[in-house]
Amino acid sequence: MFSLAIATQSGVILLREGLEALLIISALAALLRRAQATAGLRALYLGAAAAVIFSGIAAIIFAFFFNGAHDDRIEALVMILAAALMFYMSGWLFLRQDSRVLMAELKQSTDRALSQGTAFSIAAIAFLAVFREGAETVLFLHALAAAEGGYTPGFFVGIGAACLALALIFIALQWFALRMPLRPVFLLTSAMLFMMGLKFIGGGMQELQEQALLPVTPLPWLDAIREFGFNPTREAVTVQSMIVLAALASVSFAHFRGQRKSHNAATLPT
């Protein structure tokens, strides 16, 4: 028998858990499509597909060997690795925001440029972004089905509706990004990856704090950021602030070096 309540619950679970990963993947897909980087696109989709498969395997392992409970330490490791890759890719994109530099690389061969470790990073980001919540999502859906009388038609209607909503969001983001100038696409994707990296760092530290592996010093005046998925503790904010300062220093150095090269080129005798 069809149940609207079960359809709503299963759909909300998948939509809520999948939206963050979708935003990361769709932003990278739009950028790679704009750059005509087929190797990068292939790596992105392979990474996401592998994560879906491994999420199912991990969910089975958690269900049968850990009584349905996932390991917070594994989740922390996944989030910190994902954050590191996002910071790397954010910097890589920021340094290639100049369309002249990008087009010069494209003429040489974007696929070849991406093959130098960047394609692997793209695949890894896609894998970790999906896998971070994938196994937990499968467990949530399985628990819902177990509690509500099995895998009913309503359950699958909710899953289908959520998949359709995610697909429409993906298409809309691709349409929008493909009509923007190239430089803003690079800058926005770079900024989004950097912000997600900061969020993942805080999330990874929170998982370790919940396991009492890191100290916890709450910052009540920052409780508002909890609504956006950030970790309002002194430990997380300190690490995130250090990362932001290091990024600002790197950007300033790159800007200074670029200005110096431009000045030296302008003063060369013709």
C-alpha atoms as a PDB file:
ATOM      1  CA  MET A   1       0.000   0.000   0.000  1.00  0.00           C
ATOM      2  CA  PHE A   2       1.266   3.449  -0.911  1.00  0.00           C
ATOM      3  CA  SER A   3       2.135   5.717   2.047  1.00  0.00           C
ATOM      4  CA  LEU A   4       2.776   9.415   1.520  1.00  0.00           C
ATOM      5  CA  ALA A   5       4.518   9.636   4.903  1.00  0.00           C
ATOM      6  CA  ILE A   6       7.060   6.951   3.982  1.00  0.00           C
ATOM      7  CA  ALA A   7       7.581   8.500   0.542  1.00  0.00           C
ATOM      8  CA  THR A   8       8.254  11.861   2.146  1.00  0.00           C
ATOM      9  CA  GLN A   9      10.670  10.428   4.702  1.00  0.00           C
ATOM     10  CA  SER A  10      12.712   8.386   2.215  1.00  0.00           C
ATOM     11  CA  GLY A  11      12.811  11.294  -0.231  1.00  0.00           C
ATOM     12  CA  VAL A  12      13.917  13.797   2.409  1.00  0.00           C
ATOM     13  CA  ILE A  13      16.676  11.460   3.641  1.00  0.00           C
ATOM     14  CA  LEU A  14      18.156  11.030   0.173  1.00  0.00           C
ATOM     15  CA  LEU A  15      17.736  14.693  -0.790  1.00  0.00           C
ATOM     16  CA  ARG A  16      19.241  15.993   2.438  1.00  0.00           C
ATOM     17  CA  GLU A  17      22.209  13.641   2.411  1.00  0.00           C
ATOM     18  CA  GLY A  18      22.871  13.885  -1.322  1.00  0.00           C
ATOM     19  CA  LEU A  19      22.572  17.627  -1.864  1.00  0.00           C
ATOM     20  CA  GLU A  20      25.986  18.600  -0.517  1.00  0.00           C
ATOM     21  CA  ALA A  21      27.823  16.024  -2.614  1.00  0.00           C
ATOM     22  CA  LEU A  22      25.753  16.988  -5.659  1.00  0.00           C
ATOM     23  CA  LEU A  23      26.756  20.642  -5.337  1.00  0.00           C
ATOM     24  CA  ILE A  24      30.439  19.711  -5.287  1.00  0.00           C
ATOM     25  CA  ILE A  25      30.181  17.327  -8.235  1.00  0.00           C
ATOM     26  CA  SER A  26      27.955  19.599 -10.343  1.00  0.00           C
ATOM     27  CA  ALA A  27      30.276  22.585  -9.856  1.00  0.00           C
ATOM     28  CA  LEU A  28      33.310  20.545 -10.940  1.00  0.00           C
ATOM     29  CA  ALA A  29      31.379  18.986 -13.840  1.00  0.00           C
ATOM     30  CA  ALA A  30      30.315  22.395 -15.168  1.00  0.00           C
ATOM     31  CA  LEU A  31      33.844  23.713 -14.924  1.00  0.00           C
ATOM     32  CA  LEU A  32      35.369  20.692 -16.650  1.00  0.00           C
ATOM     33  CA  ARG A  33      32.735  20.814 -19.370  1.00  0.00           C
ATOM     34  CA  ARG A  34      33.509  24.475 -19.968  1.00  0.00           C
ATOM     35  CA  ALA A  35      37.193  23.622 -20.232  1.00  0.00           C
ATOM     36  CA  GLN A  36      36.435  20.683 -22.581  1.00  0.00           C
ATOM     37  CA  ALA A  37      38.396  18.454 -20.195  1.00  0.00           C
ATOM     38  CA  THR A  38      37.049  15.013 -21.042  1.00  0.00           C
ATOM     39  CA  ALA A  39      39.643  13.233 -18.901  1.00  0.00           C
ATOM     40  CA  GLY A  40      38.588  15.248 -15.876  1.00  0.00           C
ATOM     41  CA  LEU A  41      34.883  14.611 -16.489  1.00  0.00           C
ATOM     42  CA  ARG A  42      35.490  10.892 -16.863  1.00  0.00           C
ATOM     43  CA  ALA A  43      37.501  10.854 -13.620  1.00  0.00           C
ATOM     44  CA  LEU A  44      34.786  12.835 -11.823  1.00  0.00           C
ATOM     45  CA  TYR A  45      31.967  10.481 -12.792  1.00  0.00           C
ATOM     46  CA  LEU A  46      34.048   7.355 -12.162  1.00  0.00           C
ATOM     47  CA  GLY A  47      34.885   8.620  -8.676  1.00  0.00           C
ATOM     48  CA  ALA A  48      31.224   9.312  -7.898  1.00  0.00           C
ATOM     49  CA  ALA A  49      30.082   5.942  -9.288  1.00  0.00           C
ATOM     50  CA  ALA A  50      32.743   4.090  -7.295  1.00  0.00           C
ATOM     51  CA  ALA A  51      31.594   5.875  -4.145  1.00  0.00           C
ATOM     52  CA  VAL A  52      27.997   4.740  -4.674  1.00  0.00           C
ATOM     53  CA  ILE A  53      29.166   1.107  -4.985  1.00  0.00           C
ATOM     54  CA  PHE A  54      31.465   1.308  -1.965  1.00  0.00           C
ATOM     55  CA  SER A  55      28.760   3.080   0.055  1.00  0.00           C
ATOM     56  CA  GLY A  56      26.511   0.064  -0.428  1.00  0.00           C
ATOM     57  CA  ILE A  57      29.322  -2.305   0.570  1.00  0.00           C
ATOM     58  CA  ALA A  58      30.166  -0.203   3.633  1.00  0.00           C
ATOM     59  CA  ALA A  59      26.498  -0.082   4.646  1.00  0.00           C
ATOM     60  CA  ILE A  60      26.311  -3.902   4.484  1.00  0.00           C
ATOM     61  CA  ILE A  61      29.468  -4.185   6.598  1.00  0.00           C
ATOM     62  CA  PHE A  62      28.145  -1.714   9.178  1.00  0.00           C
ATOM     63  CA  ALA A  63      24.747  -3.460   9.271  1.00  0.00           C
ATOM     64  CA  PHE A  64      26.075  -6.996   9.749  1.00  0.00           C
ATOM     65  CA  PHE A  65      29.298  -6.447  11.708  1.00  0.00           C
ATOM     66  CA  PHE A  66      28.739  -3.187  13.633  1.00  0.00           C
ATOM     67  CA  ASN A  67      25.006  -3.440  14.421  1.00  0.00           C
ATOM     68  CA  GLY A  68      24.194  -0.665  11.979  1.00  0.00           C
ATOM     69  CA  ALA A  69      26.536   1.889  13.578  1.00  0.00           C
ATOM     70  CA  HIS A  70      29.161   3.641  11.471  1.00  0.00           C
ATOM     71  CA  ASP A  71      32.625   4.434  12.834  1.00  0.00           C
ATOM     72  CA  ASP A  72      33.111   8.139  13.567  1.00  0.00           C
ATOM     73  CA  ARG A  73      36.877   7.768  13.187  1.00  0.00           C
ATOM     74  CA  ILE A  74      36.495   6.530   9.618  1.00  0.00           C
ATOM     75  CA  GLU A  75      34.136   9.407   8.842  1.00  0.00           C
ATOM     76  CA  ALA A  76      36.611  11.888  10.342  1.00  0.00           C
ATOM     77  CA  LEU A  77      39.423  10.490   8.184  1.00  0.00           C
ATOM     78  CA  VAL A  78      37.274  10.674   5.044  1.00  0.00           C
ATOM     79  CA  MET A  79      36.280  14.275   5.769  1.00  0.00           C
ATOM     80  CA  ILE A  80      39.835  15.432   6.473  1.00  0.00           C
ATOM     81  CA  LEU A  81      41.150  13.749   3.299  1.00  0.00           C
ATOM     82  CA  ALA A  82      38.317  15.317   1.297  1.00  0.00           C
ATOM     83  CA  ALA A  83      39.106  18.727   2.793  1.00  0.00           C
ATOM     84  CA  ALA A  84      42.790  18.436   1.857  1.00  0.00           C
ATOM     85  CA  LEU A  85      41.896  17.582  -1.738  1.00  0.00           C
ATOM     86  CA  MET A  86      39.361  20.414  -1.898  1.00  0.00           C
ATOM     87  CA  PHE A  87      41.971  22.919  -0.719  1.00  0.00           C
ATOM     88  CA  TYR A  88      44.385  21.619  -3.339  1.00  0.00           C
ATOM     89  CA  MET A  89      41.813  21.818  -6.128  1.00  0.00           C
ATOM     90  CA  SER A  90      40.628  25.235  -4.940  1.00  0.00           C
ATOM     91  CA  GLY A  91      44.173  26.594  -5.227  1.00  0.00           C
ATOM     92  CA  TRP A  92      44.682  24.899  -8.598  1.00  0.00           C
ATOM     93  CA  LEU A  93      41.564  26.554  -9.978  1.00  0.00           C
ATOM     94  CA  PHE A  94      42.370  29.941  -8.469  1.00  0.00           C
ATOM     95  CA  LEU A  95      45.785  29.988 -10.122  1.00  0.00           C
ATOM     96  CA  ARG A  96      44.126  29.251 -13.498  1.00  0.00           C
ATOM     97  CA  GLN A  97      41.411  31.906 -13.262  1.00  0.00           C
ATOM     98  CA  ASP A  98      43.128  33.948 -15.975  1.00  0.00           C
ATOM     99  CA  SER A  99      41.386  32.856 -19.161  1.00  0.00           C
ATOM    100  CA  ARG A 100      44.548  33.502 -21.209  1.00  0.00           C
ATOM    101  CA  VAL A 101      46.522  31.070 -19.067  1.00  0.00           C
ATOM    102  CA  LEU A 102      43.728  28.528 -19.262  1.00  0.00           C
ATOM    103  CA  MET A 103      43.325  28.772 -23.015  1.00  0.00           C
ATOM    104  CA  ALA A 104      47.080  28.397 -23.474  1.00  0.00           C
ATOM    105  CA  GLU A 105      46.910  25.167 -21.471  1.00  0.00           C
ATOM    106  CA  LEU A 106      43.899  24.007 -23.436  1.00  0.00           C
ATOM    107  CA  LYS A 107      45.748  24.485 -26.699  1.00  0.00           C
ATOM    108  CA  GLN A 108      48.559  22.297 -25.410  1.00  0.00           C
ATOM    109  CA  SER A 109      46.013  19.659 -24.305  1.00  0.00           C
ATOM    110  CA  THR A 110      43.804  19.913 -21.278  1.00  0.00           C
ATOM    111  CA  ASP A 111      43.593  16.163 -20.903  1.00  0.00           C
ATOM    112  CA  ARG A 112      47.358  15.903 -20.720  1.00  0.00           C
ATOM    113  CA  ALA A 113      47.531  18.722 -18.166  1.00  0.00           C
ATOM    114  CA  LEU A 114      44.875  17.030 -16.068  1.00  0.00           C
ATOM    115  CA  SER A 115      46.688  13.729 -16.199  1.00  0.00           C
ATOM    116  CA  GLN A 116      49.457  15.115 -14.001  1.00  0.00           C
ATOM    117  CA  GLY A 117      47.711  14.191 -10.761  1.00  0.00           C
ATOM    118  CA  THR A 118      44.774  16.561 -11.154  1.00  0.00           C
ATOM    119  CA  ALA A 119      42.445  13.978 -12.684  1.00  0.00           C
ATOM    120  CA  PHE A 120      43.153  11.701  -9.732  1.00  0.00           C
ATOM    121  CA  SER A 121      42.375  14.557  -7.329  1.00  0.00           C
ATOM    122  CA  ILE A 122      39.064  15.223  -9.096  1.00  0.00           C
ATOM    123  CA  ALA A 123      38.104  11.535  -8.900  1.00  0.00           C
ATOM    124  CA  ALA A 124      39.111  11.410  -5.246  1.00  0.00           C
ATOM    125  CA  ILE A 125      37.066  14.509  -4.372  1.00  0.00           C
ATOM    126  CA  ALA A 126      34.011  13.000  -6.074  1.00  0.00           C
ATOM    127  CA  PHE A 127      34.547   9.670  -4.327  1.00  0.00           C
ATOM    128  CA  LEU A 128      35.023  11.158  -0.858  1.00  0.00           C
ATOM    129  CA  ALA A 129      32.188  13.679  -1.228  1.00  0.00           C
ATOM    130  CA  VAL A 130      29.719  10.904  -2.079  1.00  0.00           C
ATOM    131  CA  PHE A 131      31.159   8.226   0.189  1.00  0.00           C
ATOM    132  CA  ARG A 132      31.206  10.575   3.219  1.00  0.00           C
ATOM    133  CA  GLU A 133      27.429  10.331   3.544  1.00  0.00           C
ATOM    134  CA  GLY A 134      26.704   7.434   1.192  1.00  0.00           C
ATOM    135  CA  ALA A 135      26.964   4.520   3.597  1.00  0.00           C
ATOM    136  CA  GLU A 136      25.089   6.441   6.295  1.00  0.00           C
ATOM    137  CA  THR A 137      22.317   7.276   3.812  1.00  0.00           C
ATOM    138  CA  VAL A 138      21.908   3.604   2.886  1.00  0.00           C
ATOM    139  CA  LEU A 139      21.705   2.720   6.582  1.00  0.00           C
ATOM    140  CA  PHE A 140      19.108   5.434   7.224  1.00  0.00           C
ATOM    141  CA  LEU A 141      16.984   4.217   4.327  1.00  0.00           C
ATOM    142  CA  HIS A 142      17.320   0.604   5.420  1.00  0.00           C
ATOM    143  CA  ALA A 143      16.309   1.543   8.986  1.00  0.00           C
ATOM    144  CA  LEU A 144      13.298   3.440   7.651  1.00  0.00           C
ATOM    145  CA  ALA A 145      12.206   0.435   5.577  1.00  0.00           C
ATOM    146  CA  ALA A 146      12.678  -1.916   8.536  1.00  0.00           C
ATOM    147  CA  ALA A 147      10.636   0.330  10.815  1.00  0.00           C
ATOM    148  CA  GLU A 148       7.821   0.936   8.333  1.00  0.00           C
ATOM    149  CA  GLY A 149       7.063  -2.554   7.072  1.00  0.00           C
ATOM    150  CA  GLY A 150       9.697  -3.119   4.402  1.00  0.00           C
ATOM    151  CA  TYR A 151      10.484  -1.687   0.995  1.00  0.00           C
ATOM    152  CA  THR A 152       6.994  -0.502   0.109  1.00  0.00           C
ATOM    153  CA  PRO A 153       5.898   1.376  -3.044  1.00  0.00           C
ATOM    154  CA  GLY A 154       5.891   4.625  -1.052  1.00  0.00           C
ATOM    155  CA  PHE A 155       9.531   4.069  -0.098  1.00  0.00           C
ATOM    156  CA  PHE A 156      10.584   3.767  -3.736  1.00  0.00           C
ATOM    157  CA  VAL A 157       8.383   6.692  -4.836  1.00  0.00           C
ATOM    158  CA  GLY A 158      10.217   8.896  -2.334  1.00  0.00           C
ATOM    159  CA  ILE A 159      13.602   7.662  -3.565  1.00  0.00           C
ATOM    160  CA  GLY A 160      12.585   8.298  -7.163  1.00  0.00           C
ATOM    161  CA  ALA A 161      11.304  11.794  -6.385  1.00  0.00           C
ATOM    162  CA  ALA A 162      14.543  12.672  -4.580  1.00  0.00           C
ATOM    163  CA  CYS A 163      16.634  11.358  -7.488  1.00  0.00           C
ATOM    164  CA  LEU A 164      14.570  13.438  -9.900  1.00  0.00           C
ATOM    165  CA  ALA A 165      14.993  16.555  -7.735  1.00  0.00           C
ATOM    166  CA  LEU A 166      18.758  16.021  -7.533  1.00  0.00           C
ATOM    167  CA  ALA A 167      18.946  15.500 -11.305  1.00  0.00           C
ATOM    168  CA  LEU A 168      17.009  18.723 -11.939  1.00  0.00           C
ATOM    169  CA  ILE A 169      19.308  20.645  -9.590  1.00  0.00           C
ATOM    170  CA  PHE A 170      22.321  19.194 -11.392  1.00  0.00           C
ATOM    171  CA  ILE A 171      20.949  20.205 -14.812  1.00  0.00           C
ATOM    172  CA  ALA A 172      20.039  23.698 -13.592  1.00  0.00           C
ATOM    173  CA  LEU A 173      23.520  24.275 -12.188  1.00  0.00           C
ATOM    174  CA  GLN A 174      25.113  23.034 -15.427  1.00  0.00           C
ATOM    175  CA  TRP A 175      22.873  25.323 -17.507  1.00  0.00           C
ATOM    176  CA  PHE A 176      23.712  28.331 -15.356  1.00  0.00           C
ATOM    177  CA  ALA A 177      27.465  27.671 -15.236  1.00  0.00           C
ATOM    178  CA  LEU A 178      27.723  27.047 -18.983  1.00  0.00           C
ATOM    179  CA  ARG A 179      26.337  30.535 -19.636  1.00  0.00           C
ATOM    180  CA  MET A 180      28.669  32.375 -17.285  1.00  0.00           C
ATOM    181  CA  PRO A 181      32.054  33.801 -18.340  1.00  0.00           C
ATOM    182  CA  LEU A 182      34.858  31.326 -17.722  1.00  0.00           C
ATOM    183  CA  ARG A 183      36.738  33.304 -15.078  1.00  0.00           C
ATOM    184  CA  PRO A 184      33.766  33.669 -12.667  1.00  0.00           C
ATOM    185  CA  VAL A 185      33.110  29.921 -13.033  1.00  0.00           C
ATOM    186  CA  PHE A 186      36.679  29.184 -11.946  1.00  0.00           C
ATOM    187  CA  LEU A 187      36.557  31.688  -9.080  1.00  0.00           C
ATOM    188  CA  LEU A 188      33.157  30.540  -7.786  1.00  0.00           C
ATOM    189  CA  THR A 189      34.141  26.866  -7.959  1.00  0.00           C
ATOM    190  CA  SER A 190      37.441  27.633  -6.240  1.00  0.00           C
ATOM    191  CA  ALA A 191      35.652  29.568  -3.470  1.00  0.00           C
ATOM    192  CA  MET A 192      32.998  26.882  -3.021  1.00  0.00           C
ATOM    193  CA  LEU A 193      35.595  24.109  -2.729  1.00  0.00           C
ATOM    194  CA  PHE A 194      37.548  26.176  -0.202  1.00  0.00           C
ATOM    195  CA  MET A 195      34.447  26.787   1.933  1.00  0.00           C
ATOM    196  CA  MET A 196      33.457  23.127   1.747  1.00  0.00           C
ATOM    197  CA  GLY A 197      36.999  22.189   2.731  1.00  0.00           C
ATOM    198  CA  LEU A 198      36.734  24.402   5.823  1.00  0.00           C
ATOM    199  CA  LYS A 199      33.391  22.804   6.667  1.00  0.00           C
ATOM    200  CA  PHE A 200      34.791  19.298   6.232  1.00  0.00           C
ATOM    201  CA  ILE A 201      37.760  20.127   8.479  1.00  0.00           C
ATOM    202  CA  GLY A 202      35.379  21.261  11.207  1.00  0.00           C
ATOM    203  CA  GLY A 203      33.190  18.209  10.665  1.00  0.00           C
ATOM    204  CA  GLY A 204      36.143  15.839  10.852  1.00  0.00           C
ATOM    205  CA  MET A 205      37.326  17.456  14.074  1.00  0.00           C
ATOM    206  CA  GLN A 206      33.809  17.186  15.505  1.00  0.00           C
ATOM    207  CA  GLU A 207      33.785  13.448  14.838  1.00  0.00           C
ATOM    208  CA  LEU A 208      37.099  13.130  16.697  1.00  0.00           C
ATOM    209  CA  GLN A 209      35.789  15.316  19.521  1.00  0.00           C
ATOM    210  CA  GLU A 210      32.733  13.062  19.869  1.00  0.00           C
ATOM    211  CA  GLN A 211      35.142  10.145  20.327  1.00  0.00           C
ATOM    212  CA  ALA A 212      37.051  12.144  22.991  1.00  0.00           C
ATOM    213  CA  LEU A 213      40.157  12.048  20.810  1.00  0.00           C
ATOM    214  CA  LEU A 214      40.320  15.857  20.718  1.00  0.00           C
ATOM    215  CA  PRO A 215      39.443  18.391  23.422  1.00  0.00           C
ATOM    216  CA  VAL A 216      36.209  20.385  23.140  1.00  0.00           C
ATOM    217  CA  THR A 217      36.024  24.078  24.024  1.00  0.00           C
ATOM    218  CA  PRO A 218      32.618  25.450  22.966  1.00  0.00           C
ATOM    219  CA  LEU A 219      32.322  29.024  21.702  1.00  0.00           C
ATOM    220  CA  PRO A 220      28.734  30.018  22.570  1.00  0.00           C
ATOM    221  CA  TRP A 221      28.982  33.314  20.681  1.00  0.00           C
ATOM    222  CA  LEU A 222      29.528  31.303  17.484  1.00  0.00           C
ATOM    223  CA  ASP A 223      26.574  28.949  17.924  1.00  0.00           C
ATOM    224  CA  ALA A 224      24.864  30.523  14.892  1.00  0.00           C
ATOM    225  CA  ILE A 225      27.361  28.879  12.525  1.00  0.00           C
ATOM    226  CA  ARG A 226      26.122  25.460  13.684  1.00  0.00           C
ATOM    227  CA  GLU A 227      23.032  26.061  11.523  1.00  0.00           C
ATOM    228  CA  PHE A 228      25.301  26.051   8.451  1.00  0.00           C
ATOM    229  CA  GLY A 229      27.039  22.810   9.431  1.00  0.00           C
ATOM    230  CA  PHE A 230      30.139  24.387  10.960  1.00  0.00           C
ATOM    231  CA  ASN A 231      31.787  23.397  14.233  1.00  0.00           C
ATOM    232  CA  PRO A 232      31.615  26.247  16.823  1.00  0.00           C
ATOM    233  CA  THR A 233      34.527  25.124  19.020  1.00  0.00           C
ATOM    234  CA  ARG A 234      37.841  26.830  19.696  1.00  0.00           C
ATOM    235  CA  GLU A 235      39.794  23.869  18.322  1.00  0.00           C
ATOM    236  CA  ALA A 236      37.978  23.824  14.965  1.00  0.00           C
ATOM    237  CA  VAL A 237      37.919  27.606  14.565  1.00  0.00           C
ATOM    238  CA  THR A 238      41.637  27.829  15.351  1.00  0.00           C
ATOM    239  CA  VAL A 239      42.571  25.280  12.682  1.00  0.00           C
ATOM    240  CA  GLN A 240      40.184  26.841  10.145  1.00  0.00           C
ATOM    241  CA  SER A 241      41.580  30.330  10.865  1.00  0.00           C
ATOM    242  CA  MET A 242      45.124  29.088  10.303  1.00  0.00           C
ATOM    243  CA  ILE A 243      44.067  27.587   6.963  1.00  0.00           C
ATOM    244  CA  VAL A 244      42.386  30.856   5.929  1.00  0.00           C
ATOM    245  CA  LEU A 245      45.497  32.873   6.877  1.00  0.00           C
ATOM    246  CA  ALA A 246      47.732  30.464   4.938  1.00  0.00           C
ATOM    247  CA  ALA A 247      45.433  30.768   1.905  1.00  0.00           C
ATOM    248  CA  LEU A 248      45.472  34.579   2.097  1.00  0.00           C
ATOM    249  CA  ALA A 249      49.260  34.553   2.350  1.00  0.00           C
ATOM    250  CA  SER A 250      49.491  32.263  -0.692  1.00  0.00           C
ATOM    251  CA  VAL A 251      47.118  34.463  -2.709  1.00  0.00           C
ATOM    252  CA  SER A 252      49.087  37.586  -1.757  1.00  0.00           C
ATOM    253  CA  PHE A 253      52.354  35.925  -2.732  1.00  0.00           C
ATOM    254  CA  ALA A 254      50.944  34.765  -6.067  1.00  0.00           C
ATOM    255  CA  HIS A 255      49.568  38.254  -6.761  1.00  0.00           C
ATOM    256  CA  PHE A 256      52.896  39.894  -5.868  1.00  0.00           C
ATOM    257  CA  ARG A 257      54.837  37.446  -8.036  1.00  0.00           C
ATOM    258  CA  GLY A 258      52.468  38.038 -10.952  1.00  0.00           C
ATOM    259  CA  GLN A 259      52.847  41.795 -10.667  1.00  0.00           C
ATOM    260  CA  ARG A 260      56.615  41.433 -10.497  1.00  0.00           C
ATOM    261  CA  LYS A 261      56.685  39.290 -13.635  1.00  0.00           C
ATOM    262  CA  SER A 262      54.483  41.813 -15.449  1.00  0.00           C
ATOM    263  CA  HIS A 263      56.740  44.666 -14.376  1.00  0.00           C
ATOM    264  CA  ASN A 264      59.898  42.813 -15.467  1.00  0.00           C
ATOM    265  CA  ALA A 265      58.328  41.997 -18.836  1.00  0.00           C
ATOM    266  CA  ALA A 266      57.322  45.632 -19.327  1.00  0.00           C
ATOM    267  CA  THR A 267      60.837  46.891 -18.608  1.00  0.00           C
ATOM    268  CA  LEU A 268      62.606  44.512 -20.987  1.00  0.00           C
ATOM    269  CA  PRO A 269      64.163  46.263 -24.017  1.00  0.00           C
ATOM    270  CA  THR A 270      62.307  45.693 -27.272  1.00  0.00           C
END
